[in-house]
């Protein structure tokens, strides 16, 4: 089915809202609202999430709102401590939250809608550094979500409790050993893997260390083969790093404080450069359908064509494009 053209509106750039909205008009996602929140210092989520939002809106009909970390001058400033993320109150109308965060310590008024959403029982997708999304100072209202939280009731915070893991370490060599996604045996027919072949998923970001086994009902879907180089054609690294391989994508559920059950999908891939890989884009799109209990509507091979131009910056600290405003990510017909 060929979907109608995309209508774009912009959120007002005020103290309470700064982002873009991509209004999907037709497709299976029509009537569903996805909120994507960027905010990491290194892997360029401020570039990745607008592209992902456009794909979900234009090709599949979802309404997608993308929020950004905003500096004092009104431009996108990903660095933690130099920006915050206005507009999180839009989560009140969200059906799915997708996070690309790292070590955020947001003001209470911005953190409250995120915490309320986490405890709502609605689904969540965490990308890459979202395993260590929050670094909230002790004694603050939402400090339990911090990645090092020592409370037994909520050990290791949002990452461990909700997504299944917090930050542990780099497993592959950062910047020199890429990741190839290999399906877990027996999961080949999982709807999230529909239209993807084992070995097609590739990204220049490295495999993260995971404490095995993952908690609760976590189900690994894709293992990360450490690649002996940074190109898709490079061979697997020989030796212990791939014996065993670490999970790089899994599903689980999260039991909220009120007893509700949320569907959760996590991948430790998801750098902006990783999303140049068609199979990884398809993985995240399929996971969005699954999180929303729409797995029966996942296409045989979901359309994940790039919308407009997409030339992501390499991952590195301080490598963000200066002077970019949220409206610069507006979809151009």
C-alpha atoms as a PDB file:
ATOM      1  CA  UNK A   1       0.000   0.000   0.000  1.00  0.00           C
ATOM      2  CA  UNK A   2       1.330   3.393  -0.953  1.00  0.00           C
ATOM      3  CA  UNK A   3       0.783   5.814   1.892  1.00  0.00           C
ATOM      4  CA  UNK A   4      -0.205   9.431   1.438  1.00  0.00           C
ATOM      5  CA  UNK A   5       2.327  12.201   1.826  1.00  0.00           C
ATOM      6  CA  UNK A   6       3.431  13.280   5.251  1.00  0.00           C
ATOM      7  CA  UNK A   7       2.077  16.396   6.930  1.00  0.00           C
ATOM      8  CA  UNK A   8       4.596  18.055   9.206  1.00  0.00           C
ATOM      9  CA  UNK A   9       3.837  20.400  12.071  1.00  0.00           C
ATOM     10  CA  UNK A  10       6.281  22.000  14.475  1.00  0.00           C
ATOM     11  CA  UNK A  11       5.942  22.172  18.217  1.00  0.00           C
ATOM     12  CA  UNK A  12       6.226  25.744  19.474  1.00  0.00           C
ATOM     13  CA  UNK A  13       9.743  26.498  20.631  1.00  0.00           C
ATOM     14  CA  UNK A  14       8.893  27.643  24.128  1.00  0.00           C
ATOM     15  CA  UNK A  15      10.181  26.913  27.604  1.00  0.00           C
ATOM     16  CA  UNK A  16       7.805  23.963  27.779  1.00  0.00           C
ATOM     17  CA  UNK A  17       8.210  22.452  24.327  1.00  0.00           C
ATOM     18  CA  UNK A  18      11.001  22.197  21.759  1.00  0.00           C
ATOM     19  CA  UNK A  19      10.853  19.487  19.142  1.00  0.00           C
ATOM     20  CA  UNK A  20       9.339  18.353  15.888  1.00  0.00           C
ATOM     21  CA  UNK A  21       6.166  16.432  15.101  1.00  0.00           C
ATOM     22  CA  UNK A  22       5.861  14.188  12.067  1.00  0.00           C
ATOM     23  CA  UNK A  23       2.180  13.553  11.348  1.00  0.00           C
ATOM     24  CA  UNK A  24       1.726  10.252   9.533  1.00  0.00           C
ATOM     25  CA  UNK A  25      -1.527  10.305   7.571  1.00  0.00           C
ATOM     26  CA  UNK A  26      -2.100   6.703   6.416  1.00  0.00           C
ATOM     27  CA  UNK A  27      -0.786   3.286   7.416  1.00  0.00           C
ATOM     28  CA  UNK A  28      -1.186   0.728  10.199  1.00  0.00           C
ATOM     29  CA  UNK A  29       0.202   3.166  12.755  1.00  0.00           C
ATOM     30  CA  UNK A  30      -2.489   5.767  12.156  1.00  0.00           C
ATOM     31  CA  UNK A  31      -3.943   6.915  15.476  1.00  0.00           C
ATOM     32  CA  UNK A  32      -0.856   5.902  17.481  1.00  0.00           C
ATOM     33  CA  UNK A  33       1.563   8.453  18.931  1.00  0.00           C
ATOM     34  CA  UNK A  34       5.270   7.653  19.401  1.00  0.00           C
ATOM     35  CA  UNK A  35       7.477  10.023  21.408  1.00  0.00           C
ATOM     36  CA  UNK A  36      11.217   9.758  20.758  1.00  0.00           C
ATOM     37  CA  UNK A  37      13.570  11.476  23.215  1.00  0.00           C
ATOM     38  CA  UNK A  38      17.166  12.240  22.205  1.00  0.00           C
ATOM     39  CA  UNK A  39      19.896  13.135  24.666  1.00  0.00           C
ATOM     40  CA  UNK A  40      23.295  11.447  24.589  1.00  0.00           C
ATOM     41  CA  UNK A  41      26.753  12.965  24.379  1.00  0.00           C
ATOM     42  CA  UNK A  42      28.392  10.582  21.946  1.00  0.00           C
ATOM     43  CA  UNK A  43      26.284   8.480  19.586  1.00  0.00           C
ATOM     44  CA  UNK A  44      24.311  11.298  17.924  1.00  0.00           C
ATOM     45  CA  UNK A  45      20.790  10.369  18.977  1.00  0.00           C
ATOM     46  CA  UNK A  46      19.859  13.945  18.024  1.00  0.00           C
ATOM     47  CA  UNK A  47      20.452  12.868  14.416  1.00  0.00           C
ATOM     48  CA  UNK A  48      19.229   9.262  14.629  1.00  0.00           C
ATOM     49  CA  UNK A  49      15.843   9.818  16.261  1.00  0.00           C
ATOM     50  CA  UNK A  50      14.516  12.411  13.799  1.00  0.00           C
ATOM     51  CA  UNK A  51      15.283   9.998  10.964  1.00  0.00           C
ATOM     52  CA  UNK A  52      13.666   7.105  12.814  1.00  0.00           C
ATOM     53  CA  UNK A  53      10.623   9.261  13.556  1.00  0.00           C
ATOM     54  CA  UNK A  54      10.281  10.194   9.892  1.00  0.00           C
ATOM     55  CA  UNK A  55      10.494   6.556   8.821  1.00  0.00           C
ATOM     56  CA  UNK A  56       7.796   5.523  11.303  1.00  0.00           C
ATOM     57  CA  UNK A  57       5.568   8.423  10.254  1.00  0.00           C
ATOM     58  CA  UNK A  58       5.989   8.495   6.484  1.00  0.00           C
ATOM     59  CA  UNK A  59       6.102   4.773   5.791  1.00  0.00           C
ATOM     60  CA  UNK A  60       3.849   3.440   8.578  1.00  0.00           C
ATOM     61  CA  UNK A  61       1.455   6.198   9.586  1.00  0.00           C
ATOM     62  CA  UNK A  62       2.503   6.815  13.194  1.00  0.00           C
ATOM     63  CA  UNK A  63       2.431  10.307  14.621  1.00  0.00           C
ATOM     64  CA  UNK A  64       5.964  10.864  15.896  1.00  0.00           C
ATOM     65  CA  UNK A  65       7.160  13.592  18.233  1.00  0.00           C
ATOM     66  CA  UNK A  66      10.923  13.989  18.660  1.00  0.00           C
ATOM     67  CA  UNK A  67      12.296  15.876  21.669  1.00  0.00           C
ATOM     68  CA  UNK A  68      15.847  17.186  21.932  1.00  0.00           C
ATOM     69  CA  UNK A  69      18.307  18.398  24.582  1.00  0.00           C
ATOM     70  CA  UNK A  70      18.218  22.178  24.287  1.00  0.00           C
ATOM     71  CA  UNK A  71      20.937  24.597  25.376  1.00  0.00           C
ATOM     72  CA  UNK A  72      20.468  28.114  26.683  1.00  0.00           C
ATOM     73  CA  UNK A  73      20.648  29.564  23.162  1.00  0.00           C
ATOM     74  CA  UNK A  74      17.763  27.415  21.898  1.00  0.00           C
ATOM     75  CA  UNK A  75      19.951  25.097  19.818  1.00  0.00           C
ATOM     76  CA  UNK A  76      20.386  21.347  20.223  1.00  0.00           C
ATOM     77  CA  UNK A  77      23.213  20.714  22.701  1.00  0.00           C
ATOM     78  CA  UNK A  78      23.534  16.985  23.503  1.00  0.00           C
ATOM     79  CA  UNK A  79      26.132  17.349  26.274  1.00  0.00           C
ATOM     80  CA  UNK A  80      24.799  16.337  29.688  1.00  0.00           C
ATOM     81  CA  UNK A  81      24.927  19.230  32.125  1.00  0.00           C
ATOM     82  CA  UNK A  82      24.751  21.844  29.376  1.00  0.00           C
ATOM     83  CA  UNK A  83      21.132  21.266  28.342  1.00  0.00           C
ATOM     84  CA  UNK A  84      17.794  19.866  29.399  1.00  0.00           C
ATOM     85  CA  UNK A  85      14.880  18.328  27.486  1.00  0.00           C
ATOM     86  CA  UNK A  86      11.786  20.521  27.409  1.00  0.00           C
ATOM     87  CA  UNK A  87       8.471  19.180  26.157  1.00  0.00           C
ATOM     88  CA  UNK A  88       8.330  15.863  28.022  1.00  0.00           C
ATOM     89  CA  UNK A  89       4.728  16.588  29.045  1.00  0.00           C
ATOM     90  CA  UNK A  90       3.783  15.384  25.557  1.00  0.00           C
ATOM     91  CA  UNK A  91       4.284  11.861  26.948  1.00  0.00           C
ATOM     92  CA  UNK A  92       0.789  12.217  28.441  1.00  0.00           C
ATOM     93  CA  UNK A  93      -0.544  11.382  24.961  1.00  0.00           C
ATOM     94  CA  UNK A  94       2.114   8.838  23.954  1.00  0.00           C
ATOM     95  CA  UNK A  95       1.421   5.202  23.102  1.00  0.00           C
ATOM     96  CA  UNK A  96       5.140   4.314  22.876  1.00  0.00           C
ATOM     97  CA  UNK A  97       8.295   5.975  24.206  1.00  0.00           C
ATOM     98  CA  UNK A  98      11.629   5.490  22.416  1.00  0.00           C
ATOM     99  CA  UNK A  99      14.720   6.663  24.292  1.00  0.00           C
ATOM    100  CA  UNK A 100      18.199   7.562  23.119  1.00  0.00           C
ATOM    101  CA  UNK A 101      19.511   8.946  26.414  1.00  0.00           C
ATOM    102  CA  UNK A 102      22.738   8.880  28.392  1.00  0.00           C
ATOM    103  CA  UNK A 103      23.481  10.100  31.948  1.00  0.00           C
ATOM    104  CA  UNK A 104      20.667  12.689  32.118  1.00  0.00           C
ATOM    105  CA  UNK A 105      19.866  14.594  35.312  1.00  0.00           C
ATOM    106  CA  UNK A 106      16.755  16.483  34.269  1.00  0.00           C
ATOM    107  CA  UNK A 107      14.770  19.019  36.280  1.00  0.00           C
ATOM    108  CA  UNK A 108      11.914  17.437  38.210  1.00  0.00           C
ATOM    109  CA  UNK A 109       9.302  19.043  35.986  1.00  0.00           C
ATOM    110  CA  UNK A 110      10.856  17.377  32.929  1.00  0.00           C
ATOM    111  CA  UNK A 111      11.565  14.081  34.655  1.00  0.00           C
ATOM    112  CA  UNK A 112       8.073  13.677  36.112  1.00  0.00           C
ATOM    113  CA  UNK A 113       6.334  12.937  32.768  1.00  0.00           C
ATOM    114  CA  UNK A 114       9.050  10.383  31.967  1.00  0.00           C
ATOM    115  CA  UNK A 115       8.674   8.685  35.356  1.00  0.00           C
ATOM    116  CA  UNK A 116       4.878   8.762  35.047  1.00  0.00           C
ATOM    117  CA  UNK A 117       5.151   7.141  31.628  1.00  0.00           C
ATOM    118  CA  UNK A 118       7.547   4.458  32.910  1.00  0.00           C
ATOM    119  CA  UNK A 119       5.027   3.561  35.612  1.00  0.00           C
ATOM    120  CA  UNK A 120       2.019   3.727  33.264  1.00  0.00           C
ATOM    121  CA  UNK A 121       2.400   0.232  31.846  1.00  0.00           C
ATOM    122  CA  UNK A 122       2.855   1.587  28.322  1.00  0.00           C
ATOM    123  CA  UNK A 123       5.662   0.168  26.161  1.00  0.00           C
ATOM    124  CA  UNK A 124       9.258   1.386  26.006  1.00  0.00           C
ATOM    125  CA  UNK A 125      12.141   1.015  23.558  1.00  0.00           C
ATOM    126  CA  UNK A 126      15.677   1.740  24.767  1.00  0.00           C
ATOM    127  CA  UNK A 127      18.491   2.342  22.289  1.00  0.00           C
ATOM    128  CA  UNK A 128      22.249   2.060  22.914  1.00  0.00           C
ATOM    129  CA  UNK A 129      23.200   4.185  25.952  1.00  0.00           C
ATOM    130  CA  UNK A 130      19.656   4.206  27.321  1.00  0.00           C
ATOM    131  CA  UNK A 131      20.788   1.342  29.561  1.00  0.00           C
ATOM    132  CA  UNK A 132      22.411   4.187  31.511  1.00  0.00           C
ATOM    133  CA  UNK A 133      19.888   6.874  30.639  1.00  0.00           C
ATOM    134  CA  UNK A 134      19.855   8.661  34.002  1.00  0.00           C
ATOM    135  CA  UNK A 135      22.522   9.940  36.369  1.00  0.00           C
ATOM    136  CA  UNK A 136      20.345  11.717  38.926  1.00  0.00           C
ATOM    137  CA  UNK A 137      21.955  13.108  42.055  1.00  0.00           C
ATOM    138  CA  UNK A 138      21.184  11.295  45.338  1.00  0.00           C
ATOM    139  CA  UNK A 139      18.319  12.774  47.286  1.00  0.00           C
ATOM    140  CA  UNK A 140      16.492  14.149  44.267  1.00  0.00           C
ATOM    141  CA  UNK A 141      12.903  13.123  43.559  1.00  0.00           C
ATOM    142  CA  UNK A 142      13.713  10.623  40.808  1.00  0.00           C
ATOM    143  CA  UNK A 143      17.137   9.445  41.920  1.00  0.00           C
ATOM    144  CA  UNK A 144      15.999   5.804  41.984  1.00  0.00           C
ATOM    145  CA  UNK A 145      16.237   5.779  38.164  1.00  0.00           C
ATOM    146  CA  UNK A 146      19.967   6.532  38.185  1.00  0.00           C
ATOM    147  CA  UNK A 147      22.178   3.881  36.594  1.00  0.00           C
ATOM    148  CA  UNK A 148      24.134   3.162  39.800  1.00  0.00           C
ATOM    149  CA  UNK A 149      21.195   3.178  42.221  1.00  0.00           C
ATOM    150  CA  UNK A 150      22.098   1.033  45.212  1.00  0.00           C
ATOM    151  CA  UNK A 151      18.618   0.549  46.660  1.00  0.00           C
ATOM    152  CA  UNK A 152      17.755  -3.148  46.727  1.00  0.00           C
ATOM    153  CA  UNK A 153      14.171  -2.388  45.685  1.00  0.00           C
ATOM    154  CA  UNK A 154      15.346  -0.672  42.478  1.00  0.00           C
ATOM    155  CA  UNK A 155      18.932  -1.821  42.058  1.00  0.00           C
ATOM    156  CA  UNK A 156      20.862  -0.248  39.161  1.00  0.00           C
ATOM    157  CA  UNK A 157      17.968   2.007  38.309  1.00  0.00           C
ATOM    158  CA  UNK A 158      16.002   2.374  35.099  1.00  0.00           C
ATOM    159  CA  UNK A 159      18.481   0.454  32.972  1.00  0.00           C
ATOM    160  CA  UNK A 160      18.488  -2.733  35.002  1.00  0.00           C
ATOM    161  CA  UNK A 161      14.930  -2.626  36.271  1.00  0.00           C
ATOM    162  CA  UNK A 162      13.137  -1.581  33.087  1.00  0.00           C
ATOM    163  CA  UNK A 163      15.410  -2.342  30.136  1.00  0.00           C
ATOM    164  CA  UNK A 164      17.219  -5.332  31.629  1.00  0.00           C
ATOM    165  CA  UNK A 165      20.767  -3.994  31.988  1.00  0.00           C
ATOM    166  CA  UNK A 166      22.684  -0.914  33.092  1.00  0.00           C
ATOM    167  CA  UNK A 167      26.104   0.203  31.837  1.00  0.00           C
ATOM    168  CA  UNK A 168      28.742  -2.484  32.382  1.00  0.00           C
ATOM    169  CA  UNK A 169      31.572  -2.012  29.883  1.00  0.00           C
ATOM    170  CA  UNK A 170      32.617  -2.172  26.261  1.00  0.00           C
ATOM    171  CA  UNK A 171      32.889  -5.786  25.116  1.00  0.00           C
ATOM    172  CA  UNK A 172      34.200  -5.108  21.638  1.00  0.00           C
ATOM    173  CA  UNK A 173      36.962  -2.541  21.201  1.00  0.00           C
ATOM    174  CA  UNK A 174      35.383   0.899  20.995  1.00  0.00           C
ATOM    175  CA  UNK A 175      35.955   2.530  17.623  1.00  0.00           C
ATOM    176  CA  UNK A 176      37.821  -0.365  16.029  1.00  0.00           C
ATOM    177  CA  UNK A 177      35.581  -3.444  16.337  1.00  0.00           C
ATOM    178  CA  UNK A 178      32.080  -3.205  14.903  1.00  0.00           C
ATOM    179  CA  UNK A 179      28.985  -5.330  15.619  1.00  0.00           C
ATOM    180  CA  UNK A 180      27.258  -7.941  13.458  1.00  0.00           C
ATOM    181  CA  UNK A 181      23.859  -9.216  14.573  1.00  0.00           C
ATOM    182  CA  UNK A 182      23.422 -12.996  14.703  1.00  0.00           C
ATOM    183  CA  UNK A 183      19.990 -14.436  15.478  1.00  0.00           C
ATOM    184  CA  UNK A 184      19.508 -16.483  18.611  1.00  0.00           C
ATOM    185  CA  UNK A 185      18.788 -20.064  17.614  1.00  0.00           C
ATOM    186  CA  UNK A 186      15.055 -20.698  17.770  1.00  0.00           C
ATOM    187  CA  UNK A 187      14.093 -17.016  17.396  1.00  0.00           C
ATOM    188  CA  UNK A 188      14.286 -16.887  13.606  1.00  0.00           C
ATOM    189  CA  UNK A 189      10.480 -16.664  13.289  1.00  0.00           C
ATOM    190  CA  UNK A 190      10.084 -13.987  15.974  1.00  0.00           C
ATOM    191  CA  UNK A 191       7.956 -11.175  14.477  1.00  0.00           C
ATOM    192  CA  UNK A 192      10.558  -8.571  15.457  1.00  0.00           C
ATOM    193  CA  UNK A 193      13.029 -10.307  13.122  1.00  0.00           C
ATOM    194  CA  UNK A 194      10.605 -10.416  10.198  1.00  0.00           C
ATOM    195  CA  UNK A 195      12.166  -9.431   6.893  1.00  0.00           C
ATOM    196  CA  UNK A 196      15.711  -9.669   8.284  1.00  0.00           C
ATOM    197  CA  UNK A 197      18.317 -12.398   7.810  1.00  0.00           C
ATOM    198  CA  UNK A 198      20.812 -13.421  10.461  1.00  0.00           C
ATOM    199  CA  UNK A 199      24.044 -11.541   9.841  1.00  0.00           C
ATOM    200  CA  UNK A 200      22.395  -8.627   7.996  1.00  0.00           C
ATOM    201  CA  UNK A 201      22.339  -6.353  11.034  1.00  0.00           C
ATOM    202  CA  UNK A 202      25.580  -4.373  11.239  1.00  0.00           C
ATOM    203  CA  UNK A 203      26.767  -1.251  12.994  1.00  0.00           C
ATOM    204  CA  UNK A 204      30.115   0.443  13.591  1.00  0.00           C
ATOM    205  CA  UNK A 205      29.338   0.862  17.296  1.00  0.00           C
ATOM    206  CA  UNK A 206      30.848  -1.877  19.450  1.00  0.00           C
ATOM    207  CA  UNK A 207      29.181  -4.668  21.418  1.00  0.00           C
ATOM    208  CA  UNK A 208      28.412  -3.830  25.053  1.00  0.00           C
ATOM    209  CA  UNK A 209      29.142  -6.210  27.931  1.00  0.00           C
ATOM    210  CA  UNK A 210      25.994  -7.740  29.452  1.00  0.00           C
ATOM    211  CA  UNK A 211      25.738  -9.557  32.786  1.00  0.00           C
ATOM    212  CA  UNK A 212      24.316 -12.941  31.851  1.00  0.00           C
ATOM    213  CA  UNK A 213      21.682 -14.150  32.165  1.00  0.00           C
ATOM    214  CA  UNK A 214      19.467 -11.141  31.582  1.00  0.00           C
ATOM    215  CA  UNK A 215      16.853 -10.731  34.338  1.00  0.00           C
ATOM    216  CA  UNK A 216      13.289 -11.989  34.570  1.00  0.00           C
ATOM    217  CA  UNK A 217      11.527 -12.937  31.376  1.00  0.00           C
ATOM    218  CA  UNK A 218      14.117 -11.256  29.141  1.00  0.00           C
ATOM    219  CA  UNK A 219      14.373 -13.011  25.787  1.00  0.00           C
ATOM    220  CA  UNK A 220      17.537 -12.374  23.725  1.00  0.00           C
ATOM    221  CA  UNK A 221      16.774 -12.179  20.002  1.00  0.00           C
ATOM    222  CA  UNK A 222      20.062 -11.026  18.477  1.00  0.00           C
ATOM    223  CA  UNK A 223      23.606 -11.702  19.632  1.00  0.00           C
ATOM    224  CA  UNK A 224      26.434  -9.304  18.880  1.00  0.00           C
ATOM    225  CA  UNK A 225      29.289 -10.832  16.930  1.00  0.00           C
ATOM    226  CA  UNK A 226      32.395  -8.756  17.569  1.00  0.00           C
ATOM    227  CA  UNK A 227      33.810  -7.880  14.155  1.00  0.00           C
ATOM    228  CA  UNK A 228      37.569  -7.665  13.599  1.00  0.00           C
ATOM    229  CA  UNK A 229      37.257  -4.267  11.941  1.00  0.00           C
ATOM    230  CA  UNK A 230      34.729  -1.603  11.041  1.00  0.00           C
ATOM    231  CA  UNK A 231      33.400  -2.826   7.681  1.00  0.00           C
ATOM    232  CA  UNK A 232      30.439  -5.173   7.038  1.00  0.00           C
ATOM    233  CA  UNK A 233      32.679  -7.510   5.059  1.00  0.00           C
ATOM    234  CA  UNK A 234      35.203  -7.874   7.909  1.00  0.00           C
ATOM    235  CA  UNK A 235      35.356 -11.254   9.595  1.00  0.00           C
ATOM    236  CA  UNK A 236      34.385 -12.137  13.131  1.00  0.00           C
ATOM    237  CA  UNK A 237      37.047 -11.559  15.755  1.00  0.00           C
ATOM    238  CA  UNK A 238      38.632 -14.835  16.791  1.00  0.00           C
ATOM    239  CA  UNK A 239      38.830 -15.806  20.427  1.00  0.00           C
ATOM    240  CA  UNK A 240      37.004 -15.342  23.697  1.00  0.00           C
ATOM    241  CA  UNK A 241      35.115 -12.152  22.798  1.00  0.00           C
ATOM    242  CA  UNK A 242      32.704 -14.224  20.729  1.00  0.00           C
ATOM    243  CA  UNK A 243      32.643 -17.216  23.096  1.00  0.00           C
ATOM    244  CA  UNK A 244      29.945 -16.493  24.114  1.00  0.00           C
ATOM    245  CA  UNK A 245      28.572 -13.526  22.223  1.00  0.00           C
ATOM    246  CA  UNK A 246      26.695 -10.823  24.156  1.00  0.00           C
ATOM    247  CA  UNK A 247      23.003 -10.088  23.474  1.00  0.00           C
ATOM    248  CA  UNK A 248      22.508  -6.847  21.532  1.00  0.00           C
ATOM    249  CA  UNK A 249      18.689  -7.007  21.237  1.00  0.00           C
ATOM    250  CA  UNK A 250      16.099  -8.509  23.554  1.00  0.00           C
ATOM    251  CA  UNK A 251      12.524  -8.239  24.763  1.00  0.00           C
ATOM    252  CA  UNK A 252      11.225  -8.288  28.322  1.00  0.00           C
ATOM    253  CA  UNK A 253       8.363  -7.020  30.429  1.00  0.00           C
ATOM    254  CA  UNK A 254       8.403  -4.466  33.230  1.00  0.00           C
ATOM    255  CA  UNK A 255       6.096  -4.722  36.212  1.00  0.00           C
ATOM    256  CA  UNK A 256       5.137  -1.214  37.299  1.00  0.00           C
ATOM    257  CA  UNK A 257       4.691  -0.116  40.898  1.00  0.00           C
ATOM    258  CA  UNK A 258       0.924  -0.438  40.436  1.00  0.00           C
ATOM    259  CA  UNK A 259       1.176  -3.967  39.022  1.00  0.00           C
ATOM    260  CA  UNK A 260       0.778  -3.133  35.333  1.00  0.00           C
ATOM    261  CA  UNK A 261       2.881  -4.954  32.744  1.00  0.00           C
ATOM    262  CA  UNK A 262       4.744  -3.054  30.042  1.00  0.00           C
ATOM    263  CA  UNK A 263       6.336  -4.495  26.917  1.00  0.00           C
ATOM    264  CA  UNK A 264       9.995  -3.483  26.568  1.00  0.00           C
ATOM    265  CA  UNK A 265      12.485  -3.823  23.718  1.00  0.00           C
ATOM    266  CA  UNK A 266      16.157  -2.984  24.177  1.00  0.00           C
ATOM    267  CA  UNK A 267      19.045  -2.878  21.757  1.00  0.00           C
ATOM    268  CA  UNK A 268      22.555  -1.795  22.651  1.00  0.00           C
ATOM    269  CA  UNK A 269      22.971  -0.809  19.007  1.00  0.00           C
ATOM    270  CA  UNK A 270      21.456   2.415  17.721  1.00  0.00           C
ATOM    271  CA  UNK A 271      24.175   4.994  17.094  1.00  0.00           C
ATOM    272  CA  UNK A 272      23.232   7.383  14.296  1.00  0.00           C
ATOM    273  CA  UNK A 273      25.783   5.681  12.045  1.00  0.00           C
ATOM    274  CA  UNK A 274      24.283   2.261  12.913  1.00  0.00           C
ATOM    275  CA  UNK A 275      20.977   3.411  11.396  1.00  0.00           C
ATOM    276  CA  UNK A 276      22.548   3.562   7.957  1.00  0.00           C
ATOM    277  CA  UNK A 277      22.069  -0.232   8.096  1.00  0.00           C
ATOM    278  CA  UNK A 278      18.688  -1.205   6.613  1.00  0.00           C
ATOM    279  CA  UNK A 279      18.332  -4.343   8.723  1.00  0.00           C
ATOM    280  CA  UNK A 280      18.848  -2.450  11.981  1.00  0.00           C
ATOM    281  CA  UNK A 281      16.267   0.146  10.971  1.00  0.00           C
ATOM    282  CA  UNK A 282      13.852  -2.689  10.229  1.00  0.00           C
ATOM    283  CA  UNK A 283      14.576  -4.279  13.611  1.00  0.00           C
ATOM    284  CA  UNK A 284      13.589  -1.099  15.455  1.00  0.00           C
ATOM    285  CA  UNK A 285      10.510  -0.500  13.284  1.00  0.00           C
ATOM    286  CA  UNK A 286       9.351  -4.093  13.811  1.00  0.00           C
ATOM    287  CA  UNK A 287       9.981  -3.725  17.542  1.00  0.00           C
ATOM    288  CA  UNK A 288       7.789  -0.618  17.575  1.00  0.00           C
ATOM    289  CA  UNK A 289       4.902  -2.656  16.164  1.00  0.00           C
ATOM    290  CA  UNK A 290       5.552  -5.435  18.689  1.00  0.00           C
ATOM    291  CA  UNK A 291       5.710  -3.051  21.631  1.00  0.00           C
ATOM    292  CA  UNK A 292       2.311  -1.677  20.626  1.00  0.00           C
ATOM    293  CA  UNK A 293       0.861  -5.226  20.401  1.00  0.00           C
ATOM    294  CA  UNK A 294       0.562  -4.801  16.638  1.00  0.00           C
ATOM    295  CA  UNK A 295       2.853  -7.673  15.652  1.00  0.00           C
ATOM    296  CA  UNK A 296       0.216  -9.099  13.300  1.00  0.00           C
ATOM    297  CA  UNK A 297       0.578  -5.867  11.264  1.00  0.00           C
ATOM    298  CA  UNK A 298       4.337  -6.141  10.780  1.00  0.00           C
ATOM    299  CA  UNK A 299       4.861  -6.274   6.989  1.00  0.00           C
ATOM    300  CA  UNK A 300       6.752  -9.120   5.386  1.00  0.00           C
ATOM    301  CA  UNK A 301       9.532  -6.626   4.799  1.00  0.00           C
ATOM    302  CA  UNK A 302       8.774  -3.295   6.441  1.00  0.00           C
ATOM    303  CA  UNK A 303       9.582  -0.199   4.412  1.00  0.00           C
ATOM    304  CA  UNK A 304      12.480   1.493   6.166  1.00  0.00           C
ATOM    305  CA  UNK A 305      13.735   3.649   3.311  1.00  0.00           C
ATOM    306  CA  UNK A 306      15.628   6.737   4.426  1.00  0.00           C
ATOM    307  CA  UNK A 307      13.486   9.891   4.354  1.00  0.00           C
ATOM    308  CA  UNK A 308      15.252  12.828   2.726  1.00  0.00           C
ATOM    309  CA  UNK A 309      18.989  13.030   3.252  1.00  0.00           C
ATOM    310  CA  UNK A 310      20.710  11.172   6.073  1.00  0.00           C
ATOM    311  CA  UNK A 311      24.445  11.645   6.531  1.00  0.00           C
ATOM    312  CA  UNK A 312      25.015  10.963  10.239  1.00  0.00           C
ATOM    313  CA  UNK A 313      28.012  12.293  12.083  1.00  0.00           C
ATOM    314  CA  UNK A 314      30.544   9.774  13.431  1.00  0.00           C
ATOM    315  CA  UNK A 315      30.159   8.938  17.086  1.00  0.00           C
ATOM    316  CA  UNK A 316      32.489  10.827  19.387  1.00  0.00           C
ATOM    317  CA  UNK A 317      32.222  13.125  22.380  1.00  0.00           C
ATOM    318  CA  UNK A 318      31.761  16.738  21.360  1.00  0.00           C
ATOM    319  CA  UNK A 319      31.057  15.698  17.780  1.00  0.00           C
ATOM    320  CA  UNK A 320      27.599  17.212  17.470  1.00  0.00           C
ATOM    321  CA  UNK A 321      26.731  19.784  14.815  1.00  0.00           C
ATOM    322  CA  UNK A 322      26.697  23.240  16.368  1.00  0.00           C
ATOM    323  CA  UNK A 323      23.869  25.706  15.881  1.00  0.00           C
ATOM    324  CA  UNK A 324      21.189  23.182  14.867  1.00  0.00           C
ATOM    325  CA  UNK A 325      17.650  23.931  16.029  1.00  0.00           C
ATOM    326  CA  UNK A 326      14.760  21.449  16.287  1.00  0.00           C
ATOM    327  CA  UNK A 327      13.012  23.010  13.272  1.00  0.00           C
ATOM    328  CA  UNK A 328      16.062  22.190  11.166  1.00  0.00           C
ATOM    329  CA  UNK A 329      14.888  18.571  11.393  1.00  0.00           C
ATOM    330  CA  UNK A 330      11.544  19.386   9.798  1.00  0.00           C
ATOM    331  CA  UNK A 331      10.591  16.927   7.099  1.00  0.00           C
ATOM    332  CA  UNK A 332      10.990  18.522   3.697  1.00  0.00           C
ATOM    333  CA  UNK A 333       8.564  17.490   0.944  1.00  0.00           C
END
